[in-house]
């Protein structure tokens, strides 16, 4: 369920989790 940390630390879908994908 983590969102903020991977959202700030990653930029490519190749390593991002699903929660960051919701930002699309």
PDBML (XML) file of the C-alpha atoms, coordinates in Angstrom:
<?xml version="1.0" encoding="UTF-8" ?>
<PDBx:datablock datablockName="MODEL"
   xmlns:PDBx="http://pdbml.pdb.org/schema/pdbx-v50.xsd"
   xmlns:xsi="http://www.w3.org/2001/XMLSchema-instance"
   xsi:schemaLocation="http://pdbml.pdb.org/schema/pdbx-v50.xsd pdbx-v50.xsd">
   <PDBx:atom_siteCategory>
      <PDBx:atom_site id="1">
         <PDBx:B_iso_or_equiv>0.00</PDBx:B_iso_or_equiv>
         <PDBx:Cartn_x>0.000</PDBx:Cartn_x>
         <PDBx:Cartn_y>0.000</PDBx:Cartn_y>
         <PDBx:Cartn_z>0.000</PDBx:Cartn_z>
         <PDBx:auth_asym_id>A</PDBx:auth_asym_id>
         <PDBx:auth_atom_id>CA</PDBx:auth_atom_id>
         <PDBx:auth_comp_id>UNK</PDBx:auth_comp_id>
         <PDBx:auth_seq_id>1</PDBx:auth_seq_id>
         <PDBx:group_PDB>ATOM</PDBx:group_PDB>
         <PDBx:label_alt_id xsi:nil="true" />
         <PDBx:label_asym_id>A</PDBx:label_asym_id>
         <PDBx:label_atom_id>CA</PDBx:label_atom_id>
         <PDBx:label_comp_id>UNK</PDBx:label_comp_id>
         <PDBx:label_entity_id>1</PDBx:label_entity_id>
         <PDBx:label_seq_id>1</PDBx:label_seq_id>
         <PDBx:occupancy>1.00</PDBx:occupancy>
         <PDBx:pdbx_PDB_model_num>1</PDBx:pdbx_PDB_model_num>
         <PDBx:type_symbol>C</PDBx:type_symbol>
      </PDBx:atom_site>
      <PDBx:atom_site id="2">
         <PDBx:B_iso_or_equiv>0.00</PDBx:B_iso_or_equiv>
         <PDBx:Cartn_x>3.011</PDBx:Cartn_x>
         <PDBx:Cartn_y>2.333</PDBx:Cartn_y>
         <PDBx:Cartn_z>-0.005</PDBx:Cartn_z>
         <PDBx:auth_asym_id>A</PDBx:auth_asym_id>
         <PDBx:auth_atom_id>CA</PDBx:auth_atom_id>
         <PDBx:auth_comp_id>UNK</PDBx:auth_comp_id>
         <PDBx:auth_seq_id>2</PDBx:auth_seq_id>
         <PDBx:group_PDB>ATOM</PDBx:group_PDB>
         <PDBx:label_alt_id xsi:nil="true" />
         <PDBx:label_asym_id>A</PDBx:label_asym_id>
         <PDBx:label_atom_id>CA</PDBx:label_atom_id>
         <PDBx:label_comp_id>UNK</PDBx:label_comp_id>
         <PDBx:label_entity_id>1</PDBx:label_entity_id>
         <PDBx:label_seq_id>2</PDBx:label_seq_id>
         <PDBx:occupancy>1.00</PDBx:occupancy>
         <PDBx:pdbx_PDB_model_num>1</PDBx:pdbx_PDB_model_num>
         <PDBx:type_symbol>C</PDBx:type_symbol>
      </PDBx:atom_site>
      <PDBx:atom_site id="3">
         <PDBx:B_iso_or_equiv>0.00</PDBx:B_iso_or_equiv>
         <PDBx:Cartn_x>2.629</PDBx:Cartn_x>
         <PDBx:Cartn_y>5.324</PDBx:Cartn_y>
         <PDBx:Cartn_z>-2.302</PDBx:Cartn_z>
         <PDBx:auth_asym_id>A</PDBx:auth_asym_id>
         <PDBx:auth_atom_id>CA</PDBx:auth_atom_id>
         <PDBx:auth_comp_id>UNK</PDBx:auth_comp_id>
         <PDBx:auth_seq_id>3</PDBx:auth_seq_id>
         <PDBx:group_PDB>ATOM</PDBx:group_PDB>
         <PDBx:label_alt_id xsi:nil="true" />
         <PDBx:label_asym_id>A</PDBx:label_asym_id>
         <PDBx:label_atom_id>CA</PDBx:label_atom_id>
         <PDBx:label_comp_id>UNK</PDBx:label_comp_id>
         <PDBx:label_entity_id>1</PDBx:label_entity_id>
         <PDBx:label_seq_id>3</PDBx:label_seq_id>
         <PDBx:occupancy>1.00</PDBx:occupancy>
         <PDBx:pdbx_PDB_model_num>1</PDBx:pdbx_PDB_model_num>
         <PDBx:type_symbol>C</PDBx:type_symbol>
      </PDBx:atom_site>
      <PDBx:atom_site id="4">
         <PDBx:B_iso_or_equiv>0.00</PDBx:B_iso_or_equiv>
         <PDBx:Cartn_x>4.602</PDBx:Cartn_x>
         <PDBx:Cartn_y>8.418</PDBx:Cartn_y>
         <PDBx:Cartn_z>-1.231</PDBx:Cartn_z>
         <PDBx:auth_asym_id>A</PDBx:auth_asym_id>
         <PDBx:auth_atom_id>CA</PDBx:auth_atom_id>
         <PDBx:auth_comp_id>UNK</PDBx:auth_comp_id>
         <PDBx:auth_seq_id>4</PDBx:auth_seq_id>
         <PDBx:group_PDB>ATOM</PDBx:group_PDB>
         <PDBx:label_alt_id xsi:nil="true" />
         <PDBx:label_asym_id>A</PDBx:label_asym_id>
         <PDBx:label_atom_id>CA</PDBx:label_atom_id>
         <PDBx:label_comp_id>UNK</PDBx:label_comp_id>
         <PDBx:label_entity_id>1</PDBx:label_entity_id>
         <PDBx:label_seq_id>4</PDBx:label_seq_id>
         <PDBx:occupancy>1.00</PDBx:occupancy>
         <PDBx:pdbx_PDB_model_num>1</PDBx:pdbx_PDB_model_num>
         <PDBx:type_symbol>C</PDBx:type_symbol>
      </PDBx:atom_site>
      <PDBx:atom_site id="5">
         <PDBx:B_iso_or_equiv>0.00</PDBx:B_iso_or_equiv>
         <PDBx:Cartn_x>8.040</PDBx:Cartn_x>
         <PDBx:Cartn_y>6.786</PDBx:Cartn_y>
         <PDBx:Cartn_z>-0.970</PDBx:Cartn_z>
         <PDBx:auth_asym_id>A</PDBx:auth_asym_id>
         <PDBx:auth_atom_id>CA</PDBx:auth_atom_id>
         <PDBx:auth_comp_id>UNK</PDBx:auth_comp_id>
         <PDBx:auth_seq_id>5</PDBx:auth_seq_id>
         <PDBx:group_PDB>ATOM</PDBx:group_PDB>
         <PDBx:label_alt_id xsi:nil="true" />
         <PDBx:label_asym_id>A</PDBx:label_asym_id>
         <PDBx:label_atom_id>CA</PDBx:label_atom_id>
         <PDBx:label_comp_id>UNK</PDBx:label_comp_id>
         <PDBx:label_entity_id>1</PDBx:label_entity_id>
         <PDBx:label_seq_id>5</PDBx:label_seq_id>
         <PDBx:occupancy>1.00</PDBx:occupancy>
         <PDBx:pdbx_PDB_model_num>1</PDBx:pdbx_PDB_model_num>
         <PDBx:type_symbol>C</PDBx:type_symbol>
      </PDBx:atom_site>
      <PDBx:atom_site id="6">
         <PDBx:B_iso_or_equiv>0.00</PDBx:B_iso_or_equiv>
         <PDBx:Cartn_x>8.064</PDBx:Cartn_x>
         <PDBx:Cartn_y>4.999</PDBx:Cartn_y>
         <PDBx:Cartn_z>-4.360</PDBx:Cartn_z>
         <PDBx:auth_asym_id>A</PDBx:auth_asym_id>
         <PDBx:auth_atom_id>CA</PDBx:auth_atom_id>
         <PDBx:auth_comp_id>UNK</PDBx:auth_comp_id>
         <PDBx:auth_seq_id>6</PDBx:auth_seq_id>
         <PDBx:group_PDB>ATOM</PDBx:group_PDB>
         <PDBx:label_alt_id xsi:nil="true" />
         <PDBx:label_asym_id>A</PDBx:label_asym_id>
         <PDBx:label_atom_id>CA</PDBx:label_atom_id>
         <PDBx:label_comp_id>UNK</PDBx:label_comp_id>
         <PDBx:label_entity_id>1</PDBx:label_entity_id>
         <PDBx:label_seq_id>6</PDBx:label_seq_id>
         <PDBx:occupancy>1.00</PDBx:occupancy>
         <PDBx:pdbx_PDB_model_num>1</PDBx:pdbx_PDB_model_num>
         <PDBx:type_symbol>C</PDBx:type_symbol>
      </PDBx:atom_site>
      <PDBx:atom_site id="7">
         <PDBx:B_iso_or_equiv>0.00</PDBx:B_iso_or_equiv>
         <PDBx:Cartn_x>6.341</PDBx:Cartn_x>
         <PDBx:Cartn_y>7.984</PDBx:Cartn_y>
         <PDBx:Cartn_z>-5.975</PDBx:Cartn_z>
         <PDBx:auth_asym_id>A</PDBx:auth_asym_id>
         <PDBx:auth_atom_id>CA</PDBx:auth_atom_id>
         <PDBx:auth_comp_id>UNK</PDBx:auth_comp_id>
         <PDBx:auth_seq_id>7</PDBx:auth_seq_id>
         <PDBx:group_PDB>ATOM</PDBx:group_PDB>
         <PDBx:label_alt_id xsi:nil="true" />
         <PDBx:label_asym_id>A</PDBx:label_asym_id>
         <PDBx:label_atom_id>CA</PDBx:label_atom_id>
         <PDBx:label_comp_id>UNK</PDBx:label_comp_id>
         <PDBx:label_entity_id>1</PDBx:label_entity_id>
         <PDBx:label_seq_id>7</PDBx:label_seq_id>
         <PDBx:occupancy>1.00</PDBx:occupancy>
         <PDBx:pdbx_PDB_model_num>1</PDBx:pdbx_PDB_model_num>
         <PDBx:type_symbol>C</PDBx:type_symbol>
      </PDBx:atom_site>
      <PDBx:atom_site id="8">
         <PDBx:B_iso_or_equiv>0.00</PDBx:B_iso_or_equiv>
         <PDBx:Cartn_x>9.233</PDBx:Cartn_x>
         <PDBx:Cartn_y>10.248</PDBx:Cartn_y>
         <PDBx:Cartn_z>-4.928</PDBx:Cartn_z>
         <PDBx:auth_asym_id>A</PDBx:auth_asym_id>
         <PDBx:auth_atom_id>CA</PDBx:auth_atom_id>
         <PDBx:auth_comp_id>UNK</PDBx:auth_comp_id>
         <PDBx:auth_seq_id>8</PDBx:auth_seq_id>
         <PDBx:group_PDB>ATOM</PDBx:group_PDB>
         <PDBx:label_alt_id xsi:nil="true" />
         <PDBx:label_asym_id>A</PDBx:label_asym_id>
         <PDBx:label_atom_id>CA</PDBx:label_atom_id>
         <PDBx:label_comp_id>UNK</PDBx:label_comp_id>
         <PDBx:label_entity_id>1</PDBx:label_entity_id>
         <PDBx:label_seq_id>8</PDBx:label_seq_id>
         <PDBx:occupancy>1.00</PDBx:occupancy>
         <PDBx:pdbx_PDB_model_num>1</PDBx:pdbx_PDB_model_num>
         <PDBx:type_symbol>C</PDBx:type_symbol>
      </PDBx:atom_site>
      <PDBx:atom_site id="9">
         <PDBx:B_iso_or_equiv>0.00</PDBx:B_iso_or_equiv>
         <PDBx:Cartn_x>12.062</PDBx:Cartn_x>
         <PDBx:Cartn_y>7.769</PDBx:Cartn_y>
         <PDBx:Cartn_z>-5.406</PDBx:Cartn_z>
         <PDBx:auth_asym_id>A</PDBx:auth_asym_id>
         <PDBx:auth_atom_id>CA</PDBx:auth_atom_id>
         <PDBx:auth_comp_id>UNK</PDBx:auth_comp_id>
         <PDBx:auth_seq_id>9</PDBx:auth_seq_id>
         <PDBx:group_PDB>ATOM</PDBx:group_PDB>
         <PDBx:label_alt_id xsi:nil="true" />
         <PDBx:label_asym_id>A</PDBx:label_asym_id>
         <PDBx:label_atom_id>CA</PDBx:label_atom_id>
         <PDBx:label_comp_id>UNK</PDBx:label_comp_id>
         <PDBx:label_entity_id>1</PDBx:label_entity_id>
         <PDBx:label_seq_id>9</PDBx:label_seq_id>
         <PDBx:occupancy>1.00</PDBx:occupancy>
         <PDBx:pdbx_PDB_model_num>1</PDBx:pdbx_PDB_model_num>
         <PDBx:type_symbol>C</PDBx:type_symbol>
      </PDBx:atom_site>
      <PDBx:atom_site id="10">
         <PDBx:B_iso_or_equiv>0.00</PDBx:B_iso_or_equiv>
         <PDBx:Cartn_x>11.100</PDBx:Cartn_x>
         <PDBx:Cartn_y>6.234</PDBx:Cartn_y>
         <PDBx:Cartn_z>-8.769</PDBx:Cartn_z>
         <PDBx:auth_asym_id>A</PDBx:auth_asym_id>
         <PDBx:auth_atom_id>CA</PDBx:auth_atom_id>
         <PDBx:auth_comp_id>UNK</PDBx:auth_comp_id>
         <PDBx:auth_seq_id>10</PDBx:auth_seq_id>
         <PDBx:group_PDB>ATOM</PDBx:group_PDB>
         <PDBx:label_alt_id xsi:nil="true" />
         <PDBx:label_asym_id>A</PDBx:label_asym_id>
         <PDBx:label_atom_id>CA</PDBx:label_atom_id>
         <PDBx:label_comp_id>UNK</PDBx:label_comp_id>
         <PDBx:label_entity_id>1</PDBx:label_entity_id>
         <PDBx:label_seq_id>10</PDBx:label_seq_id>
         <PDBx:occupancy>1.00</PDBx:occupancy>
         <PDBx:pdbx_PDB_model_num>1</PDBx:pdbx_PDB_model_num>
         <PDBx:type_symbol>C</PDBx:type_symbol>
      </PDBx:atom_site>
      <PDBx:atom_site id="11">
         <PDBx:B_iso_or_equiv>0.00</PDBx:B_iso_or_equiv>
         <PDBx:Cartn_x>10.198</PDBx:Cartn_x>
         <PDBx:Cartn_y>7.600</PDBx:Cartn_y>
         <PDBx:Cartn_z>-12.182</PDBx:Cartn_z>
         <PDBx:auth_asym_id>A</PDBx:auth_asym_id>
         <PDBx:auth_atom_id>CA</PDBx:auth_atom_id>
         <PDBx:auth_comp_id>UNK</PDBx:auth_comp_id>
         <PDBx:auth_seq_id>11</PDBx:auth_seq_id>
         <PDBx:group_PDB>ATOM</PDBx:group_PDB>
         <PDBx:label_alt_id xsi:nil="true" />
         <PDBx:label_asym_id>A</PDBx:label_asym_id>
         <PDBx:label_atom_id>CA</PDBx:label_atom_id>
         <PDBx:label_comp_id>UNK</PDBx:label_comp_id>
         <PDBx:label_entity_id>1</PDBx:label_entity_id>
         <PDBx:label_seq_id>11</PDBx:label_seq_id>
         <PDBx:occupancy>1.00</PDBx:occupancy>
         <PDBx:pdbx_PDB_model_num>1</PDBx:pdbx_PDB_model_num>
         <PDBx:type_symbol>C</PDBx:type_symbol>
      </PDBx:atom_site>
      <PDBx:atom_site id="12">
         <PDBx:B_iso_or_equiv>0.00</PDBx:B_iso_or_equiv>
         <PDBx:Cartn_x>9.831</PDBx:Cartn_x>
         <PDBx:Cartn_y>4.634</PDBx:Cartn_y>
         <PDBx:Cartn_z>-14.568</PDBx:Cartn_z>
         <PDBx:auth_asym_id>A</PDBx:auth_asym_id>
         <PDBx:auth_atom_id>CA</PDBx:auth_atom_id>
         <PDBx:auth_comp_id>UNK</PDBx:auth_comp_id>
         <PDBx:auth_seq_id>12</PDBx:auth_seq_id>
         <PDBx:group_PDB>ATOM</PDBx:group_PDB>
         <PDBx:label_alt_id xsi:nil="true" />
         <PDBx:label_asym_id>A</PDBx:label_asym_id>
         <PDBx:label_atom_id>CA</PDBx:label_atom_id>
         <PDBx:label_comp_id>UNK</PDBx:label_comp_id>
         <PDBx:label_entity_id>1</PDBx:label_entity_id>
         <PDBx:label_seq_id>12</PDBx:label_seq_id>
         <PDBx:occupancy>1.00</PDBx:occupancy>
         <PDBx:pdbx_PDB_model_num>1</PDBx:pdbx_PDB_model_num>
         <PDBx:type_symbol>C</PDBx:type_symbol>
      </PDBx:atom_site>
      <PDBx:atom_site id="13">
         <PDBx:B_iso_or_equiv>0.00</PDBx:B_iso_or_equiv>
         <PDBx:Cartn_x>7.055</PDBx:Cartn_x>
         <PDBx:Cartn_y>1.998</PDBx:Cartn_y>
         <PDBx:Cartn_z>-14.657</PDBx:Cartn_z>
         <PDBx:auth_asym_id>A</PDBx:auth_asym_id>
         <PDBx:auth_atom_id>CA</PDBx:auth_atom_id>
         <PDBx:auth_comp_id>UNK</PDBx:auth_comp_id>
         <PDBx:auth_seq_id>13</PDBx:auth_seq_id>
         <PDBx:group_PDB>ATOM</PDBx:group_PDB>
         <PDBx:label_alt_id xsi:nil="true" />
         <PDBx:label_asym_id>A</PDBx:label_asym_id>
         <PDBx:label_atom_id>CA</PDBx:label_atom_id>
         <PDBx:label_comp_id>UNK</PDBx:label_comp_id>
         <PDBx:label_entity_id>1</PDBx:label_entity_id>
         <PDBx:label_seq_id>13</PDBx:label_seq_id>
         <PDBx:occupancy>1.00</PDBx:occupancy>
         <PDBx:pdbx_PDB_model_num>1</PDBx:pdbx_PDB_model_num>
         <PDBx:type_symbol>C</PDBx:type_symbol>
      </PDBx:atom_site>
      <PDBx:atom_site id="14">
         <PDBx:B_iso_or_equiv>0.00</PDBx:B_iso_or_equiv>
         <PDBx:Cartn_x>9.745</PDBx:Cartn_x>
         <PDBx:Cartn_y>-0.666</PDBx:Cartn_y>
         <PDBx:Cartn_z>-14.923</PDBx:Cartn_z>
         <PDBx:auth_asym_id>A</PDBx:auth_asym_id>
         <PDBx:auth_atom_id>CA</PDBx:auth_atom_id>
         <PDBx:auth_comp_id>UNK</PDBx:auth_comp_id>
         <PDBx:auth_seq_id>14</PDBx:auth_seq_id>
         <PDBx:group_PDB>ATOM</PDBx:group_PDB>
         <PDBx:label_alt_id xsi:nil="true" />
         <PDBx:label_asym_id>A</PDBx:label_asym_id>
         <PDBx:label_atom_id>CA</PDBx:label_atom_id>
         <PDBx:label_comp_id>UNK</PDBx:label_comp_id>
         <PDBx:label_entity_id>1</PDBx:label_entity_id>
         <PDBx:label_seq_id>14</PDBx:label_seq_id>
         <PDBx:occupancy>1.00</PDBx:occupancy>
         <PDBx:pdbx_PDB_model_num>1</PDBx:pdbx_PDB_model_num>
         <PDBx:type_symbol>C</PDBx:type_symbol>
      </PDBx:atom_site>
      <PDBx:atom_site id="15">
         <PDBx:B_iso_or_equiv>0.00</PDBx:B_iso_or_equiv>
         <PDBx:Cartn_x>10.363</PDBx:Cartn_x>
         <PDBx:Cartn_y>-0.503</PDBx:Cartn_y>
         <PDBx:Cartn_z>-11.163</PDBx:Cartn_z>
         <PDBx:auth_asym_id>A</PDBx:auth_asym_id>
         <PDBx:auth_atom_id>CA</PDBx:auth_atom_id>
         <PDBx:auth_comp_id>UNK</PDBx:auth_comp_id>
         <PDBx:auth_seq_id>15</PDBx:auth_seq_id>
         <PDBx:group_PDB>ATOM</PDBx:group_PDB>
         <PDBx:label_alt_id xsi:nil="true" />
         <PDBx:label_asym_id>A</PDBx:label_asym_id>
         <PDBx:label_atom_id>CA</PDBx:label_atom_id>
         <PDBx:label_comp_id>UNK</PDBx:label_comp_id>
         <PDBx:label_entity_id>1</PDBx:label_entity_id>
         <PDBx:label_seq_id>15</PDBx:label_seq_id>
         <PDBx:occupancy>1.00</PDBx:occupancy>
         <PDBx:pdbx_PDB_model_num>1</PDBx:pdbx_PDB_model_num>
         <PDBx:type_symbol>C</PDBx:type_symbol>
      </PDBx:atom_site>
      <PDBx:atom_site id="16">
         <PDBx:B_iso_or_equiv>0.00</PDBx:B_iso_or_equiv>
         <PDBx:Cartn_x>7.250</PDBx:Cartn_x>
         <PDBx:Cartn_y>1.243</PDBx:Cartn_y>
         <PDBx:Cartn_z>-9.832</PDBx:Cartn_z>
         <PDBx:auth_asym_id>A</PDBx:auth_asym_id>
         <PDBx:auth_atom_id>CA</PDBx:auth_atom_id>
         <PDBx:auth_comp_id>UNK</PDBx:auth_comp_id>
         <PDBx:auth_seq_id>16</PDBx:auth_seq_id>
         <PDBx:group_PDB>ATOM</PDBx:group_PDB>
         <PDBx:label_alt_id xsi:nil="true" />
         <PDBx:label_asym_id>A</PDBx:label_asym_id>
         <PDBx:label_atom_id>CA</PDBx:label_atom_id>
         <PDBx:label_comp_id>UNK</PDBx:label_comp_id>
         <PDBx:label_entity_id>1</PDBx:label_entity_id>
         <PDBx:label_seq_id>16</PDBx:label_seq_id>
         <PDBx:occupancy>1.00</PDBx:occupancy>
         <PDBx:pdbx_PDB_model_num>1</PDBx:pdbx_PDB_model_num>
         <PDBx:type_symbol>C</PDBx:type_symbol>
      </PDBx:atom_site>
      <PDBx:atom_site id="17">
         <PDBx:B_iso_or_equiv>0.00</PDBx:B_iso_or_equiv>
         <PDBx:Cartn_x>4.525</PDBx:Cartn_x>
         <PDBx:Cartn_y>-0.499</PDBx:Cartn_y>
         <PDBx:Cartn_z>-7.743</PDBx:Cartn_z>
         <PDBx:auth_asym_id>A</PDBx:auth_asym_id>
         <PDBx:auth_atom_id>CA</PDBx:auth_atom_id>
         <PDBx:auth_comp_id>UNK</PDBx:auth_comp_id>
         <PDBx:auth_seq_id>17</PDBx:auth_seq_id>
         <PDBx:group_PDB>ATOM</PDBx:group_PDB>
         <PDBx:label_alt_id xsi:nil="true" />
         <PDBx:label_asym_id>A</PDBx:label_asym_id>
         <PDBx:label_atom_id>CA</PDBx:label_atom_id>
         <PDBx:label_comp_id>UNK</PDBx:label_comp_id>
         <PDBx:label_entity_id>1</PDBx:label_entity_id>
         <PDBx:label_seq_id>17</PDBx:label_seq_id>
         <PDBx:occupancy>1.00</PDBx:occupancy>
         <PDBx:pdbx_PDB_model_num>1</PDBx:pdbx_PDB_model_num>
         <PDBx:type_symbol>C</PDBx:type_symbol>
      </PDBx:atom_site>
      <PDBx:atom_site id="18">
         <PDBx:B_iso_or_equiv>0.00</PDBx:B_iso_or_equiv>
         <PDBx:Cartn_x>0.780</PDBx:Cartn_x>
         <PDBx:Cartn_y>-0.481</PDBx:Cartn_y>
         <PDBx:Cartn_z>-8.400</PDBx:Cartn_z>
         <PDBx:auth_asym_id>A</PDBx:auth_asym_id>
         <PDBx:auth_atom_id>CA</PDBx:auth_atom_id>
         <PDBx:auth_comp_id>UNK</PDBx:auth_comp_id>
         <PDBx:auth_seq_id>18</PDBx:auth_seq_id>
         <PDBx:group_PDB>ATOM</PDBx:group_PDB>
         <PDBx:label_alt_id xsi:nil="true" />
         <PDBx:label_asym_id>A</PDBx:label_asym_id>
         <PDBx:label_atom_id>CA</PDBx:label_atom_id>
         <PDBx:label_comp_id>UNK</PDBx:label_comp_id>
         <PDBx:label_entity_id>1</PDBx:label_entity_id>
         <PDBx:label_seq_id>18</PDBx:label_seq_id>
         <PDBx:occupancy>1.00</PDBx:occupancy>
         <PDBx:pdbx_PDB_model_num>1</PDBx:pdbx_PDB_model_num>
         <PDBx:type_symbol>C</PDBx:type_symbol>
      </PDBx:atom_site>
      <PDBx:atom_site id="19">
         <PDBx:B_iso_or_equiv>0.00</PDBx:B_iso_or_equiv>
         <PDBx:Cartn_x>0.015</PDBx:Cartn_x>
         <PDBx:Cartn_y>2.379</PDBx:Cartn_y>
         <PDBx:Cartn_z>-6.010</PDBx:Cartn_z>
         <PDBx:auth_asym_id>A</PDBx:auth_asym_id>
         <PDBx:auth_atom_id>CA</PDBx:auth_atom_id>
         <PDBx:auth_comp_id>UNK</PDBx:auth_comp_id>
         <PDBx:auth_seq_id>19</PDBx:auth_seq_id>
         <PDBx:group_PDB>ATOM</PDBx:group_PDB>
         <PDBx:label_alt_id xsi:nil="true" />
         <PDBx:label_asym_id>A</PDBx:label_asym_id>
         <PDBx:label_atom_id>CA</PDBx:label_atom_id>
         <PDBx:label_comp_id>UNK</PDBx:label_comp_id>
         <PDBx:label_entity_id>1</PDBx:label_entity_id>
         <PDBx:label_seq_id>19</PDBx:label_seq_id>
         <PDBx:occupancy>1.00</PDBx:occupancy>
         <PDBx:pdbx_PDB_model_num>1</PDBx:pdbx_PDB_model_num>
         <PDBx:type_symbol>C</PDBx:type_symbol>
      </PDBx:atom_site>
      <PDBx:atom_site id="20">
         <PDBx:B_iso_or_equiv>0.00</PDBx:B_iso_or_equiv>
         <PDBx:Cartn_x>2.148</PDBx:Cartn_x>
         <PDBx:Cartn_y>4.728</PDBx:Cartn_y>
         <PDBx:Cartn_z>-8.103</PDBx:Cartn_z>
         <PDBx:auth_asym_id>A</PDBx:auth_asym_id>
         <PDBx:auth_atom_id>CA</PDBx:auth_atom_id>
         <PDBx:auth_comp_id>UNK</PDBx:auth_comp_id>
         <PDBx:auth_seq_id>20</PDBx:auth_seq_id>
         <PDBx:group_PDB>ATOM</PDBx:group_PDB>
         <PDBx:label_alt_id xsi:nil="true" />
         <PDBx:label_asym_id>A</PDBx:label_asym_id>
         <PDBx:label_atom_id>CA</PDBx:label_atom_id>
         <PDBx:label_comp_id>UNK</PDBx:label_comp_id>
         <PDBx:label_entity_id>1</PDBx:label_entity_id>
         <PDBx:label_seq_id>20</PDBx:label_seq_id>
         <PDBx:occupancy>1.00</PDBx:occupancy>
         <PDBx:pdbx_PDB_model_num>1</PDBx:pdbx_PDB_model_num>
         <PDBx:type_symbol>C</PDBx:type_symbol>
      </PDBx:atom_site>
      <PDBx:atom_site id="21">
         <PDBx:B_iso_or_equiv>0.00</PDBx:B_iso_or_equiv>
         <PDBx:Cartn_x>0.347</PDBx:Cartn_x>
         <PDBx:Cartn_y>3.498</PDBx:Cartn_y>
         <PDBx:Cartn_z>-11.214</PDBx:Cartn_z>
         <PDBx:auth_asym_id>A</PDBx:auth_asym_id>
         <PDBx:auth_atom_id>CA</PDBx:auth_atom_id>
         <PDBx:auth_comp_id>UNK</PDBx:auth_comp_id>
         <PDBx:auth_seq_id>21</PDBx:auth_seq_id>
         <PDBx:group_PDB>ATOM</PDBx:group_PDB>
         <PDBx:label_alt_id xsi:nil="true" />
         <PDBx:label_asym_id>A</PDBx:label_asym_id>
         <PDBx:label_atom_id>CA</PDBx:label_atom_id>
         <PDBx:label_comp_id>UNK</PDBx:label_comp_id>
         <PDBx:label_entity_id>1</PDBx:label_entity_id>
         <PDBx:label_seq_id>21</PDBx:label_seq_id>
         <PDBx:occupancy>1.00</PDBx:occupancy>
         <PDBx:pdbx_PDB_model_num>1</PDBx:pdbx_PDB_model_num>
         <PDBx:type_symbol>C</PDBx:type_symbol>
      </PDBx:atom_site>
      <PDBx:atom_site id="22">
         <PDBx:B_iso_or_equiv>0.00</PDBx:B_iso_or_equiv>
         <PDBx:Cartn_x>-2.866</PDBx:Cartn_x>
         <PDBx:Cartn_y>4.969</PDBx:Cartn_y>
         <PDBx:Cartn_z>-9.802</PDBx:Cartn_z>
         <PDBx:auth_asym_id>A</PDBx:auth_asym_id>
         <PDBx:auth_atom_id>CA</PDBx:auth_atom_id>
         <PDBx:auth_comp_id>UNK</PDBx:auth_comp_id>
         <PDBx:auth_seq_id>22</PDBx:auth_seq_id>
         <PDBx:group_PDB>ATOM</PDBx:group_PDB>
         <PDBx:label_alt_id xsi:nil="true" />
         <PDBx:label_asym_id>A</PDBx:label_asym_id>
         <PDBx:label_atom_id>CA</PDBx:label_atom_id>
         <PDBx:label_comp_id>UNK</PDBx:label_comp_id>
         <PDBx:label_entity_id>1</PDBx:label_entity_id>
         <PDBx:label_seq_id>22</PDBx:label_seq_id>
         <PDBx:occupancy>1.00</PDBx:occupancy>
         <PDBx:pdbx_PDB_model_num>1</PDBx:pdbx_PDB_model_num>
         <PDBx:type_symbol>C</PDBx:type_symbol>
      </PDBx:atom_site>
      <PDBx:atom_site id="23">
         <PDBx:B_iso_or_equiv>0.00</PDBx:B_iso_or_equiv>
         <PDBx:Cartn_x>-1.360</PDBx:Cartn_x>
         <PDBx:Cartn_y>8.428</PDBx:Cartn_y>
         <PDBx:Cartn_z>-10.273</PDBx:Cartn_z>
         <PDBx:auth_asym_id>A</PDBx:auth_asym_id>
         <PDBx:auth_atom_id>CA</PDBx:auth_atom_id>
         <PDBx:auth_comp_id>UNK</PDBx:auth_comp_id>
         <PDBx:auth_seq_id>23</PDBx:auth_seq_id>
         <PDBx:group_PDB>ATOM</PDBx:group_PDB>
         <PDBx:label_alt_id xsi:nil="true" />
         <PDBx:label_asym_id>A</PDBx:label_asym_id>
         <PDBx:label_atom_id>CA</PDBx:label_atom_id>
         <PDBx:label_comp_id>UNK</PDBx:label_comp_id>
         <PDBx:label_entity_id>1</PDBx:label_entity_id>
         <PDBx:label_seq_id>23</PDBx:label_seq_id>
         <PDBx:occupancy>1.00</PDBx:occupancy>
         <PDBx:pdbx_PDB_model_num>1</PDBx:pdbx_PDB_model_num>
         <PDBx:type_symbol>C</PDBx:type_symbol>
      </PDBx:atom_site>
      <PDBx:atom_site id="24">
         <PDBx:B_iso_or_equiv>0.00</PDBx:B_iso_or_equiv>
         <PDBx:Cartn_x>-1.853</PDBx:Cartn_x>
         <PDBx:Cartn_y>7.981</PDBx:Cartn_y>
         <PDBx:Cartn_z>-14.028</PDBx:Cartn_z>
         <PDBx:auth_asym_id>A</PDBx:auth_asym_id>
         <PDBx:auth_atom_id>CA</PDBx:auth_atom_id>
         <PDBx:auth_comp_id>UNK</PDBx:auth_comp_id>
         <PDBx:auth_seq_id>24</PDBx:auth_seq_id>
         <PDBx:group_PDB>ATOM</PDBx:group_PDB>
         <PDBx:label_alt_id xsi:nil="true" />
         <PDBx:label_asym_id>A</PDBx:label_asym_id>
         <PDBx:label_atom_id>CA</PDBx:label_atom_id>
         <PDBx:label_comp_id>UNK</PDBx:label_comp_id>
         <PDBx:label_entity_id>1</PDBx:label_entity_id>
         <PDBx:label_seq_id>24</PDBx:label_seq_id>
         <PDBx:occupancy>1.00</PDBx:occupancy>
         <PDBx:pdbx_PDB_model_num>1</PDBx:pdbx_PDB_model_num>
         <PDBx:type_symbol>C</PDBx:type_symbol>
      </PDBx:atom_site>
   </PDBx:atom_siteCategory>
</PDBx:datablock>
